[in-house]
Amino acid sequence: MTPQQSREGPEEAPKRHTPESVAEEVADSMEPQTAEDVLEALKKCDGQAITTRLLDKLPGGRVEWRLSRQLGWTEIKNRAYVNSSGASPQGICLMLARSEASVPLSVAWVERENPAYFAGRRERNALREKALADKQLLTRAAFLFNEIEDINAKRRAKTKEFAVLVEHREPLSPVKYKLERVCGLREDDKK
């Protein structure tokens, strides 16, 4: 063990992936059914004027949903979307109409104009299901992930070796940043 290693602590072994661990990650990424539940609830209001009373008919009601009219459209957002500024996977923001006026609700229009929540989500989840059913694919992915983990571990070790070469007052320290670019440790902004 080098003095440098003893100061930094023991090297951490790279994480090992299995087909089961890959499947777990894929399953955890399945998108929730919430938008479909909302669409189903909206079907009962098809043709009715879009008002705040609409929120009472949605799963969770006014506690869970907000109606906003701005920038030429009307939309509903759930609490997860509002609290996370749209970053939560449970967050939903559906455009209901391209109008700020109280126009009649068209469920077919809502489904067509929000493809990421409906057709897109169905397609992405179907692909996830297909991946979960393909044991050979999960095995290949686990093998590849393990190779990448090994490469990353080797890169971390070599980066530490590089840092020793270019430490302050070492002969290569004045050209540290240039050498980082030369060997690929630093991305060149002028590509």
N, C-alpha and C. Protein backbone atom coordinates (compact mmCIF):
# COMPACT_ATOMS: atom_id res chain seq x y z
N MET A 1 0.85 -1.18 0.00
CA MET A 1 0.00 0.00 0.00
C MET A 1 0.90 1.24 0.00
N THR A 2 0.60 2.19 -0.88
CA THR A 2 1.40 3.41 -0.97
C THR A 2 0.96 4.40 0.10
N PRO A 3 1.82 5.36 0.46
CA PRO A 3 1.40 6.39 1.43
C PRO A 3 0.17 7.14 0.94
N GLN A 4 0.06 7.33 -0.37
CA GLN A 4 -1.11 8.03 -0.93
C GLN A 4 -2.39 7.25 -0.64
N GLN A 5 -2.35 5.90 -0.80
CA GLN A 5 -3.52 5.06 -0.56
C GLN A 5 -3.90 5.07 0.92
N SER A 6 -2.92 5.04 1.81
CA SER A 6 -3.24 5.01 3.24
C SER A 6 -3.91 6.31 3.67
N ARG A 7 -3.57 7.45 3.03
CA ARG A 7 -4.21 8.72 3.36
C ARG A 7 -5.66 8.76 2.88
N GLU A 8 -5.93 8.12 1.76
CA GLU A 8 -7.26 8.19 1.17
C GLU A 8 -8.18 7.07 1.62
N GLY A 9 -7.68 6.07 2.27
CA GLY A 9 -8.49 4.95 2.70
C GLY A 9 -8.44 3.84 1.67
N PRO A 10 -9.06 2.71 1.96
CA PRO A 10 -9.02 1.57 1.04
C PRO A 10 -9.84 1.84 -0.22
N GLU A 11 -9.39 1.22 -1.30
CA GLU A 11 -10.12 1.32 -2.56
C GLU A 11 -11.45 0.59 -2.42
N GLU A 12 -12.49 1.20 -2.94
CA GLU A 12 -13.80 0.58 -2.91
C GLU A 12 -13.94 -0.35 -4.11
N ALA A 13 -14.44 -1.54 -3.86
CA ALA A 13 -14.64 -2.50 -4.95
C ALA A 13 -15.79 -2.00 -5.83
N PRO A 14 -15.66 -2.18 -7.15
CA PRO A 14 -16.75 -1.74 -8.02
C PRO A 14 -18.03 -2.53 -7.73
N LYS A 15 -19.15 -1.85 -7.92
CA LYS A 15 -20.45 -2.48 -7.71
C LYS A 15 -20.61 -3.59 -8.75
N ARG A 16 -21.19 -4.70 -8.36
CA ARG A 16 -21.42 -5.81 -9.28
C ARG A 16 -22.91 -5.88 -9.62
N HIS A 17 -23.19 -6.03 -10.89
CA HIS A 17 -24.56 -6.09 -11.38
C HIS A 17 -24.91 -7.52 -11.77
N THR A 18 -26.17 -7.85 -11.59
CA THR A 18 -26.71 -9.15 -11.99
C THR A 18 -27.93 -8.89 -12.87
N PRO A 19 -28.38 -9.92 -13.59
CA PRO A 19 -29.61 -9.73 -14.36
C PRO A 19 -30.78 -9.30 -13.46
N GLU A 20 -30.79 -9.81 -12.24
CA GLU A 20 -31.86 -9.46 -11.30
C GLU A 20 -31.77 -8.01 -10.88
N SER A 21 -30.54 -7.51 -10.65
CA SER A 21 -30.41 -6.10 -10.23
C SER A 21 -30.77 -5.16 -11.38
N VAL A 22 -30.46 -5.57 -12.61
CA VAL A 22 -30.84 -4.76 -13.77
C VAL A 22 -32.36 -4.76 -13.90
N ALA A 23 -32.97 -5.92 -13.74
CA ALA A 23 -34.44 -6.02 -13.82
C ALA A 23 -35.10 -5.15 -12.75
N GLU A 24 -34.52 -5.12 -11.57
CA GLU A 24 -35.07 -4.29 -10.49
C GLU A 24 -35.03 -2.80 -10.86
N GLU A 25 -33.94 -2.37 -11.48
CA GLU A 25 -33.83 -0.97 -11.90
C GLU A 25 -34.87 -0.66 -12.98
N VAL A 26 -35.05 -1.58 -13.92
CA VAL A 26 -36.03 -1.37 -14.99
C VAL A 26 -37.44 -1.33 -14.39
N ALA A 27 -37.74 -2.26 -13.49
CA ALA A 27 -39.07 -2.30 -12.87
C ALA A 27 -39.34 -1.04 -12.06
N ASP A 28 -38.32 -0.55 -11.36
CA ASP A 28 -38.48 0.68 -10.56
C ASP A 28 -38.75 1.90 -11.43
N SER A 29 -38.38 1.83 -12.70
CA SER A 29 -38.56 2.98 -13.59
C SER A 29 -39.91 2.97 -14.31
N MET A 30 -40.75 1.97 -14.03
CA MET A 30 -42.07 1.93 -14.67
C MET A 30 -42.83 3.21 -14.30
N GLU A 31 -43.44 3.83 -15.29
CA GLU A 31 -44.16 5.08 -15.05
C GLU A 31 -45.54 4.77 -14.48
N PRO A 32 -45.98 5.57 -13.50
CA PRO A 32 -47.25 5.29 -12.83
C PRO A 32 -48.46 5.46 -13.74
N GLN A 33 -49.55 4.87 -13.33
CA GLN A 33 -50.81 4.83 -14.07
C GLN A 33 -51.66 6.07 -13.80
N THR A 34 -51.17 7.01 -13.00
CA THR A 34 -51.97 8.15 -12.54
C THR A 34 -52.63 8.92 -13.67
N ALA A 35 -51.90 9.21 -14.73
CA ALA A 35 -52.47 9.98 -15.84
C ALA A 35 -53.65 9.24 -16.48
N GLU A 36 -53.53 7.92 -16.57
CA GLU A 36 -54.63 7.12 -17.12
C GLU A 36 -55.86 7.21 -16.21
N ASP A 37 -55.63 7.19 -14.89
CA ASP A 37 -56.74 7.32 -13.94
C ASP A 37 -57.42 8.68 -14.09
N VAL A 38 -56.61 9.72 -14.28
CA VAL A 38 -57.16 11.07 -14.48
C VAL A 38 -57.96 11.12 -15.78
N LEU A 39 -57.43 10.53 -16.83
CA LEU A 39 -58.13 10.51 -18.12
C LEU A 39 -59.49 9.81 -17.98
N GLU A 40 -59.49 8.72 -17.24
CA GLU A 40 -60.74 7.98 -17.00
C GLU A 40 -61.74 8.86 -16.26
N ALA A 41 -61.27 9.60 -15.26
CA ALA A 41 -62.15 10.50 -14.50
C ALA A 41 -62.65 11.64 -15.39
N LEU A 42 -61.80 12.13 -16.27
CA LEU A 42 -62.19 13.22 -17.17
C LEU A 42 -63.24 12.79 -18.18
N LYS A 43 -63.27 11.50 -18.53
CA LYS A 43 -64.25 11.01 -19.50
C LYS A 43 -65.67 11.28 -19.03
N LYS A 44 -65.89 11.27 -17.71
CA LYS A 44 -67.22 11.54 -17.15
C LYS A 44 -67.60 13.01 -17.29
N CYS A 45 -66.61 13.87 -17.58
CA CYS A 45 -66.84 15.31 -17.70
C CYS A 45 -66.72 15.78 -19.14
N ASP A 46 -66.58 14.86 -20.08
CA ASP A 46 -66.40 15.22 -21.49
C ASP A 46 -67.54 16.11 -21.96
N GLY A 47 -67.20 17.24 -22.57
CA GLY A 47 -68.20 18.17 -23.08
C GLY A 47 -68.61 19.24 -22.08
N GLN A 48 -68.29 19.08 -20.82
CA GLN A 48 -68.61 20.08 -19.80
C GLN A 48 -67.58 21.21 -19.82
N ALA A 49 -67.99 22.38 -19.36
CA ALA A 49 -67.08 23.52 -19.32
C ALA A 49 -65.96 23.24 -18.32
N ILE A 50 -64.77 23.68 -18.66
CA ILE A 50 -63.60 23.49 -17.78
C ILE A 50 -63.64 24.57 -16.71
N THR A 51 -63.95 24.16 -15.48
CA THR A 51 -63.96 25.07 -14.33
C THR A 51 -63.26 24.37 -13.17
N THR A 52 -63.09 25.06 -12.07
CA THR A 52 -62.45 24.45 -10.90
C THR A 52 -63.27 23.29 -10.34
N ARG A 53 -64.57 23.24 -10.65
CA ARG A 53 -65.39 22.11 -10.19
C ARG A 53 -64.90 20.78 -10.77
N LEU A 54 -64.23 20.87 -11.90
CA LEU A 54 -63.66 19.68 -12.54
C LEU A 54 -62.68 18.97 -11.59
N LEU A 55 -61.96 19.74 -10.79
CA LEU A 55 -60.95 19.17 -9.88
C LEU A 55 -61.57 18.20 -8.87
N ASP A 56 -62.81 18.46 -8.48
CA ASP A 56 -63.49 17.59 -7.50
C ASP A 56 -63.69 16.18 -8.03
N LYS A 57 -63.70 16.03 -9.34
CA LYS A 57 -63.95 14.72 -9.95
C LYS A 57 -62.67 13.91 -10.17
N LEU A 58 -61.51 14.53 -9.92
CA LEU A 58 -60.23 13.86 -10.14
C LEU A 58 -59.78 13.10 -8.90
N PRO A 59 -58.95 12.07 -9.07
CA PRO A 59 -58.44 11.34 -7.90
C PRO A 59 -57.68 12.28 -6.96
N GLY A 60 -58.16 12.41 -5.73
CA GLY A 60 -57.53 13.32 -4.77
C GLY A 60 -58.19 14.68 -4.71
N GLY A 61 -59.04 15.00 -5.68
CA GLY A 61 -59.79 16.25 -5.68
C GLY A 61 -58.92 17.50 -5.66
N ARG A 62 -59.50 18.57 -5.07
CA ARG A 62 -58.82 19.87 -5.04
C ARG A 62 -57.57 19.87 -4.17
N VAL A 63 -57.49 18.91 -3.26
CA VAL A 63 -56.29 18.83 -2.42
C VAL A 63 -55.09 18.43 -3.28
N GLU A 64 -55.32 17.55 -4.23
CA GLU A 64 -54.24 17.00 -5.05
C GLU A 64 -53.99 17.79 -6.34
N TRP A 65 -54.99 18.48 -6.86
CA TRP A 65 -54.91 19.08 -8.19
C TRP A 65 -55.09 20.59 -8.18
N ARG A 66 -54.45 21.27 -9.14
CA ARG A 66 -54.57 22.71 -9.34
C ARG A 66 -54.93 22.95 -10.81
N LEU A 67 -55.83 23.89 -11.04
CA LEU A 67 -56.21 24.31 -12.38
C LEU A 67 -55.56 25.66 -12.63
N SER A 68 -54.85 25.79 -13.75
CA SER A 68 -54.25 27.09 -14.06
C SER A 68 -54.57 27.47 -15.50
N ARG A 69 -54.74 28.75 -15.68
CA ARG A 69 -55.02 29.32 -17.01
C ARG A 69 -53.97 30.40 -17.24
N GLN A 70 -53.08 30.13 -18.17
CA GLN A 70 -52.03 31.11 -18.46
C GLN A 70 -51.40 30.82 -19.81
N LEU A 71 -50.80 31.83 -20.37
CA LEU A 71 -50.07 31.72 -21.64
C LEU A 71 -50.90 31.11 -22.76
N GLY A 72 -52.21 31.33 -22.71
CA GLY A 72 -53.07 30.87 -23.80
C GLY A 72 -53.57 29.44 -23.68
N TRP A 73 -53.38 28.80 -22.53
CA TRP A 73 -53.92 27.45 -22.37
C TRP A 73 -54.38 27.22 -20.94
N THR A 74 -55.13 26.16 -20.79
CA THR A 74 -55.63 25.74 -19.48
C THR A 74 -55.04 24.38 -19.18
N GLU A 75 -54.54 24.22 -17.96
CA GLU A 75 -53.92 22.94 -17.60
C GLU A 75 -54.22 22.59 -16.16
N ILE A 76 -54.07 21.28 -15.85
CA ILE A 76 -54.16 20.82 -14.46
C ILE A 76 -52.81 20.23 -14.08
N LYS A 77 -52.43 20.48 -12.82
CA LYS A 77 -51.16 19.97 -12.30
C LYS A 77 -51.45 19.32 -10.96
N ASN A 78 -50.79 18.19 -10.70
CA ASN A 78 -50.96 17.58 -9.39
C ASN A 78 -49.92 18.14 -8.41
N ARG A 79 -50.11 17.84 -7.15
CA ARG A 79 -49.24 18.37 -6.10
C ARG A 79 -47.79 17.95 -6.30
N ALA A 80 -47.55 16.71 -6.74
CA ALA A 80 -46.17 16.24 -6.96
C ALA A 80 -45.49 17.08 -8.03
N TYR A 81 -46.23 17.45 -9.06
CA TYR A 81 -45.67 18.28 -10.13
C TYR A 81 -45.34 19.68 -9.61
N VAL A 82 -46.27 20.27 -8.89
CA VAL A 82 -46.09 21.63 -8.37
C VAL A 82 -44.93 21.67 -7.38
N ASN A 83 -44.90 20.73 -6.43
CA ASN A 83 -43.87 20.74 -5.38
C ASN A 83 -42.48 20.46 -5.91
N SER A 84 -42.38 19.73 -7.02
CA SER A 84 -41.06 19.38 -7.57
C SER A 84 -40.70 20.21 -8.79
N SER A 85 -41.53 21.19 -9.13
CA SER A 85 -41.35 21.99 -10.35
C SER A 85 -41.25 21.10 -11.59
N GLY A 86 -42.00 20.02 -11.58
CA GLY A 86 -42.05 19.12 -12.73
C GLY A 86 -41.01 18.03 -12.75
N ALA A 87 -40.18 17.94 -11.71
CA ALA A 87 -39.08 16.96 -11.72
C ALA A 87 -39.48 15.58 -11.18
N SER A 88 -40.58 15.49 -10.46
CA SER A 88 -40.98 14.22 -9.87
C SER A 88 -41.57 13.28 -10.92
N PRO A 89 -41.19 11.99 -10.87
CA PRO A 89 -41.80 11.03 -11.81
C PRO A 89 -43.31 10.85 -11.57
N GLN A 90 -43.77 11.21 -10.37
CA GLN A 90 -45.20 11.13 -10.06
C GLN A 90 -45.94 12.41 -10.46
N GLY A 91 -45.19 13.43 -10.87
CA GLY A 91 -45.78 14.70 -11.25
C GLY A 91 -46.49 14.63 -12.58
N ILE A 92 -47.66 15.30 -12.65
CA ILE A 92 -48.45 15.32 -13.88
C ILE A 92 -48.92 16.74 -14.15
N CYS A 93 -48.77 17.17 -15.39
CA CYS A 93 -49.29 18.45 -15.85
C CYS A 93 -49.94 18.19 -17.20
N LEU A 94 -51.25 18.26 -17.24
CA LEU A 94 -51.99 17.97 -18.47
C LEU A 94 -52.62 19.23 -19.04
N MET A 95 -52.37 19.48 -20.31
CA MET A 95 -53.03 20.59 -20.99
C MET A 95 -54.45 20.13 -21.30
N LEU A 96 -55.42 20.98 -20.88
CA LEU A 96 -56.83 20.64 -21.11
C LEU A 96 -57.40 21.36 -22.33
N ALA A 97 -56.87 22.55 -22.62
CA ALA A 97 -57.38 23.32 -23.77
C ALA A 97 -56.37 24.39 -24.15
N ARG A 98 -56.38 24.76 -25.42
CA ARG A 98 -55.55 25.88 -25.88
C ARG A 98 -56.38 27.16 -25.79
N SER A 99 -56.81 27.44 -24.60
CA SER A 99 -57.62 28.62 -24.34
C SER A 99 -57.62 28.88 -22.85
N GLU A 100 -57.67 30.15 -22.48
CA GLU A 100 -57.80 30.49 -21.06
C GLU A 100 -59.27 30.65 -20.68
N ALA A 101 -60.14 30.60 -21.67
CA ALA A 101 -61.58 30.73 -21.41
C ALA A 101 -62.12 29.39 -20.90
N SER A 102 -63.32 29.43 -20.37
CA SER A 102 -63.96 28.22 -19.87
C SER A 102 -64.63 27.49 -21.04
N VAL A 103 -63.84 26.76 -21.81
CA VAL A 103 -64.33 26.04 -22.98
C VAL A 103 -64.73 24.63 -22.59
N PRO A 104 -65.48 23.94 -23.44
CA PRO A 104 -65.86 22.55 -23.14
C PRO A 104 -64.64 21.62 -23.17
N LEU A 105 -64.63 20.67 -22.27
CA LEU A 105 -63.55 19.69 -22.18
C LEU A 105 -63.71 18.64 -23.29
N SER A 106 -62.62 18.35 -23.98
CA SER A 106 -62.59 17.28 -24.97
C SER A 106 -61.54 16.27 -24.52
N VAL A 107 -61.97 15.13 -24.02
CA VAL A 107 -61.05 14.12 -23.51
C VAL A 107 -60.16 13.58 -24.63
N ALA A 108 -60.71 13.41 -25.81
CA ALA A 108 -59.90 12.94 -26.95
C ALA A 108 -58.78 13.94 -27.24
N TRP A 109 -59.09 15.24 -27.15
CA TRP A 109 -58.08 16.28 -27.37
C TRP A 109 -57.01 16.22 -26.29
N VAL A 110 -57.42 16.03 -25.04
CA VAL A 110 -56.47 15.95 -23.92
C VAL A 110 -55.51 14.79 -24.14
N GLU A 111 -56.03 13.65 -24.53
CA GLU A 111 -55.17 12.48 -24.75
C GLU A 111 -54.22 12.71 -25.94
N ARG A 112 -54.74 13.30 -27.00
CA ARG A 112 -53.92 13.53 -28.19
C ARG A 112 -52.84 14.60 -27.94
N GLU A 113 -53.16 15.64 -27.19
CA GLU A 113 -52.23 16.77 -27.00
C GLU A 113 -51.24 16.55 -25.84
N ASN A 114 -51.38 15.47 -25.11
CA ASN A 114 -50.45 15.14 -24.02
C ASN A 114 -49.85 13.76 -24.25
N PRO A 115 -49.21 13.55 -25.40
CA PRO A 115 -48.75 12.20 -25.75
C PRO A 115 -47.71 11.62 -24.77
N ALA A 116 -46.92 12.45 -24.14
CA ALA A 116 -45.90 11.93 -23.20
C ALA A 116 -46.55 11.20 -22.04
N TYR A 117 -47.75 11.63 -21.64
CA TYR A 117 -48.44 11.01 -20.51
C TYR A 117 -49.28 9.80 -20.92
N PHE A 118 -49.63 9.71 -22.18
CA PHE A 118 -50.53 8.64 -22.60
C PHE A 118 -49.86 7.69 -23.58
N ALA A 119 -49.87 7.98 -24.87
CA ALA A 119 -49.28 7.06 -25.85
C ALA A 119 -47.80 6.83 -25.56
N GLY A 120 -47.08 7.89 -25.23
CA GLY A 120 -45.65 7.77 -24.95
C GLY A 120 -45.37 6.92 -23.72
N ARG A 121 -46.14 7.14 -22.65
CA ARG A 121 -45.97 6.36 -21.42
C ARG A 121 -46.30 4.90 -21.68
N ARG A 122 -47.37 4.64 -22.41
CA ARG A 122 -47.74 3.26 -22.72
C ARG A 122 -46.62 2.57 -23.51
N GLU A 123 -46.08 3.28 -24.49
CA GLU A 123 -45.00 2.72 -25.31
C GLU A 123 -43.74 2.46 -24.47
N ARG A 124 -43.36 3.43 -23.63
CA ARG A 124 -42.16 3.26 -22.80
C ARG A 124 -42.33 2.12 -21.81
N ASN A 125 -43.51 2.02 -21.19
CA ASN A 125 -43.74 0.92 -20.25
C ASN A 125 -43.78 -0.43 -20.96
N ALA A 126 -44.31 -0.45 -22.18
CA ALA A 126 -44.33 -1.71 -22.95
C ALA A 126 -42.89 -2.15 -23.26
N LEU A 127 -42.03 -1.19 -23.59
CA LEU A 127 -40.62 -1.53 -23.84
C LEU A 127 -39.95 -2.03 -22.55
N ARG A 128 -40.29 -1.42 -21.43
CA ARG A 128 -39.73 -1.90 -20.15
C ARG A 128 -40.19 -3.33 -19.87
N GLU A 129 -41.48 -3.60 -20.12
CA GLU A 129 -42.01 -4.96 -19.92
C GLU A 129 -41.29 -5.96 -20.82
N LYS A 130 -41.04 -5.54 -22.06
CA LYS A 130 -40.33 -6.40 -23.01
C LYS A 130 -38.91 -6.68 -22.49
N ALA A 131 -38.25 -5.66 -21.97
CA ALA A 131 -36.90 -5.84 -21.42
C ALA A 131 -36.93 -6.79 -20.22
N LEU A 132 -37.93 -6.63 -19.36
CA LEU A 132 -38.03 -7.49 -18.17
C LEU A 132 -38.25 -8.96 -18.54
N ALA A 133 -38.90 -9.20 -19.67
CA ALA A 133 -39.18 -10.57 -20.11
C ALA A 133 -38.00 -11.21 -20.84
N ASP A 134 -37.00 -10.41 -21.21
CA ASP A 134 -35.87 -10.89 -22.00
C ASP A 134 -34.66 -11.13 -21.09
N LYS A 135 -34.54 -12.35 -20.58
CA LYS A 135 -33.45 -12.69 -19.65
C LYS A 135 -32.07 -12.54 -20.30
N GLN A 136 -31.99 -12.85 -21.59
CA GLN A 136 -30.72 -12.71 -22.30
C GLN A 136 -30.29 -11.25 -22.35
N LEU A 137 -31.22 -10.36 -22.61
CA LEU A 137 -30.93 -8.92 -22.64
C LEU A 137 -30.47 -8.44 -21.26
N LEU A 138 -31.16 -8.86 -20.21
CA LEU A 138 -30.79 -8.46 -18.85
C LEU A 138 -29.39 -8.97 -18.48
N THR A 139 -29.06 -10.18 -18.94
CA THR A 139 -27.73 -10.74 -18.68
C THR A 139 -26.66 -9.95 -19.43
N ARG A 140 -26.94 -9.62 -20.70
CA ARG A 140 -25.99 -8.81 -21.48
C ARG A 140 -25.79 -7.45 -20.84
N ALA A 141 -26.89 -6.83 -20.40
CA ALA A 141 -26.80 -5.51 -19.76
C ALA A 141 -25.98 -5.59 -18.48
N ALA A 142 -26.21 -6.62 -17.65
CA ALA A 142 -25.46 -6.77 -16.40
C ALA A 142 -23.97 -6.94 -16.69
N PHE A 143 -23.64 -7.74 -17.68
CA PHE A 143 -22.25 -7.95 -18.06
C PHE A 143 -21.61 -6.63 -18.50
N LEU A 144 -22.31 -5.89 -19.35
CA LEU A 144 -21.81 -4.60 -19.83
C LEU A 144 -21.65 -3.61 -18.67
N PHE A 145 -22.64 -3.55 -17.78
CA PHE A 145 -22.57 -2.65 -16.62
C PHE A 145 -21.35 -2.98 -15.76
N ASN A 146 -21.07 -4.28 -15.58
CA ASN A 146 -19.90 -4.68 -14.79
C ASN A 146 -18.60 -4.25 -15.47
N GLU A 147 -18.56 -4.37 -16.79
CA GLU A 147 -17.37 -3.90 -17.52
C GLU A 147 -17.19 -2.40 -17.34
N ILE A 148 -18.28 -1.65 -17.42
CA ILE A 148 -18.22 -0.19 -17.24
C ILE A 148 -17.78 0.15 -15.82
N GLU A 149 -18.30 -0.57 -14.83
CA GLU A 149 -17.88 -0.35 -13.43
C GLU A 149 -16.38 -0.57 -13.29
N ASP A 150 -15.87 -1.64 -13.93
CA ASP A 150 -14.43 -1.93 -13.87
C ASP A 150 -13.62 -0.81 -14.52
N ILE A 151 -14.08 -0.34 -15.65
CA ILE A 151 -13.40 0.76 -16.35
C ILE A 151 -13.41 2.02 -15.47
N ASN A 152 -14.55 2.31 -14.86
CA ASN A 152 -14.65 3.49 -13.99
C ASN A 152 -13.71 3.37 -12.79
N ALA A 153 -13.61 2.17 -12.21
CA ALA A 153 -12.70 1.97 -11.08
C ALA A 153 -11.25 2.20 -11.51
N LYS A 154 -10.92 1.68 -12.68
CA LYS A 154 -9.55 1.86 -13.20
C LYS A 154 -9.30 3.35 -13.49
N ARG A 155 -10.29 4.04 -14.03
CA ARG A 155 -10.13 5.47 -14.30
C ARG A 155 -9.92 6.26 -13.01
N ARG A 156 -10.69 5.92 -11.97
CA ARG A 156 -10.50 6.60 -10.68
C ARG A 156 -9.09 6.39 -10.16
N ALA A 157 -8.60 5.17 -10.25
CA ALA A 157 -7.24 4.87 -9.78
C ALA A 157 -6.20 5.64 -10.59
N LYS A 158 -6.35 5.65 -11.90
CA LYS A 158 -5.40 6.35 -12.76
C LYS A 158 -5.49 7.87 -12.57
N THR A 159 -6.67 8.37 -12.27
CA THR A 159 -6.83 9.80 -12.00
C THR A 159 -6.06 10.18 -10.73
N LYS A 160 -6.07 9.30 -9.75
CA LYS A 160 -5.29 9.56 -8.52
C LYS A 160 -3.80 9.55 -8.82
N GLU A 161 -3.37 8.62 -9.66
CA GLU A 161 -1.95 8.59 -10.06
C GLU A 161 -1.58 9.87 -10.79
N PHE A 162 -2.46 10.32 -11.68
CA PHE A 162 -2.23 11.56 -12.43
C PHE A 162 -2.10 12.74 -11.46
N ALA A 163 -2.98 12.77 -10.45
CA ALA A 163 -2.96 13.87 -9.48
C ALA A 163 -1.61 13.95 -8.77
N VAL A 164 -1.00 12.82 -8.49
CA VAL A 164 0.32 12.80 -7.85
C VAL A 164 1.37 13.41 -8.79
N LEU A 165 1.28 13.11 -10.08
CA LEU A 165 2.24 13.64 -11.06
C LEU A 165 2.19 15.16 -11.18
N VAL A 166 1.01 15.72 -10.99
CA VAL A 166 0.84 17.16 -11.22
C VAL A 166 0.57 17.94 -9.94
N GLU A 167 0.92 17.34 -8.78
CA GLU A 167 0.74 18.05 -7.51
C GLU A 167 1.49 19.37 -7.53
N HIS A 168 1.08 20.27 -6.68
CA HIS A 168 1.73 21.59 -6.55
C HIS A 168 3.23 21.42 -6.32
N ARG A 169 4.01 22.17 -7.07
CA ARG A 169 5.47 22.20 -6.99
C ARG A 169 6.14 20.97 -7.63
N GLU A 170 5.37 20.10 -8.27
CA GLU A 170 5.95 19.00 -9.03
C GLU A 170 6.28 19.53 -10.43
N PRO A 171 7.24 18.91 -11.13
CA PRO A 171 7.66 19.43 -12.45
C PRO A 171 6.51 19.58 -13.46
N LEU A 172 5.49 18.72 -13.40
CA LEU A 172 4.39 18.81 -14.37
C LEU A 172 3.23 19.70 -13.90
N SER A 173 3.31 20.24 -12.70
CA SER A 173 2.19 21.02 -12.18
C SER A 173 1.84 22.25 -13.01
N PRO A 174 2.81 22.95 -13.63
CA PRO A 174 2.42 24.13 -14.42
C PRO A 174 1.56 23.80 -15.65
N VAL A 175 1.61 22.57 -16.12
CA VAL A 175 0.83 22.21 -17.31
C VAL A 175 -0.29 21.22 -16.98
N LYS A 176 -0.72 21.21 -15.74
CA LYS A 176 -1.74 20.26 -15.28
C LYS A 176 -3.00 20.28 -16.16
N TYR A 177 -3.56 21.47 -16.39
CA TYR A 177 -4.82 21.54 -17.13
C TYR A 177 -4.66 21.13 -18.58
N LYS A 178 -3.55 21.50 -19.17
CA LYS A 178 -3.28 21.09 -20.56
C LYS A 178 -3.15 19.57 -20.63
N LEU A 179 -2.43 18.98 -19.67
CA LEU A 179 -2.25 17.52 -19.67
C LEU A 179 -3.58 16.80 -19.40
N GLU A 180 -4.44 17.39 -18.58
CA GLU A 180 -5.77 16.80 -18.37
C GLU A 180 -6.54 16.73 -19.68
N ARG A 181 -6.42 17.77 -20.49
CA ARG A 181 -7.10 17.76 -21.80
C ARG A 181 -6.46 16.74 -22.74
N VAL A 182 -5.13 16.70 -22.73
CA VAL A 182 -4.40 15.80 -23.62
C VAL A 182 -4.78 14.34 -23.37
N CYS A 183 -4.90 13.96 -22.09
CA CYS A 183 -5.19 12.55 -21.78
C CYS A 183 -6.69 12.27 -21.63
N GLY A 184 -7.54 13.28 -21.76
CA GLY A 184 -8.98 13.04 -21.72
C GLY A 184 -9.63 13.18 -20.35
N LEU A 185 -8.88 13.61 -19.33
CA LEU A 185 -9.49 13.83 -18.02
C LEU A 185 -10.34 15.09 -17.98
N ARG A 186 -10.08 16.01 -18.87
CA ARG A 186 -10.84 17.25 -18.94
C ARG A 186 -11.35 17.39 -20.37
N GLU A 187 -12.64 17.70 -20.47
CA GLU A 187 -13.24 17.89 -21.80
C GLU A 187 -12.79 19.21 -22.37
N ASP A 188 -12.48 19.22 -23.65
CA ASP A 188 -12.09 20.43 -24.32
C ASP A 188 -13.34 21.18 -24.74
N ASP A 189 -13.46 22.44 -24.33
CA ASP A 189 -14.65 23.24 -24.63
C ASP A 189 -14.72 23.67 -26.09
N LYS A 190 -13.63 23.52 -26.83
CA LYS A 190 -13.56 24.03 -28.20
C LYS A 190 -13.79 22.95 -29.24
N LYS A 191 -14.63 21.99 -28.95
CA LYS A 191 -14.88 20.90 -29.92
C LYS A 191 -15.78 21.35 -31.02
